[in-house]
Amino acid sequence: MVQDVANISRMSLTTGYRGALEYIFVVESEADPAAPVIRELIAVEAEKTAASERSKSGANLRLVVAGSSQTCSQKIFSMMAGIHTMAVGPLAFS
């Protein structure tokens, strides 16, 4: 499953769009097996962006640790945690 997260995330980052993009990956806790995979993906993409022309308008990637929900489903709680950290703009969830 962790490898699936890496592959899907890399495919999602491949776009011809040259405007500003923001990708927010949300996990419940640092113990989530996807967290280190996402951190590695962010580091690799940061190196690519630093070396390219897209450095000023390229994708902004971040990992948010939402914590455990006490009031609603974990998915909704995680989505809200991601929304609270995002820049203002259009939304797309997956």
Foldseek 3Di string as FASTA:
>chain_A
DLVVLLVVVVVVQDDPDLAAAEAEAEDQDCPPPNNVSLVVVQVVVLVVLVPDPSVPGGYHYDYHHQHDDDDDDRVVSRVVRRVVPDDDDDDDDD
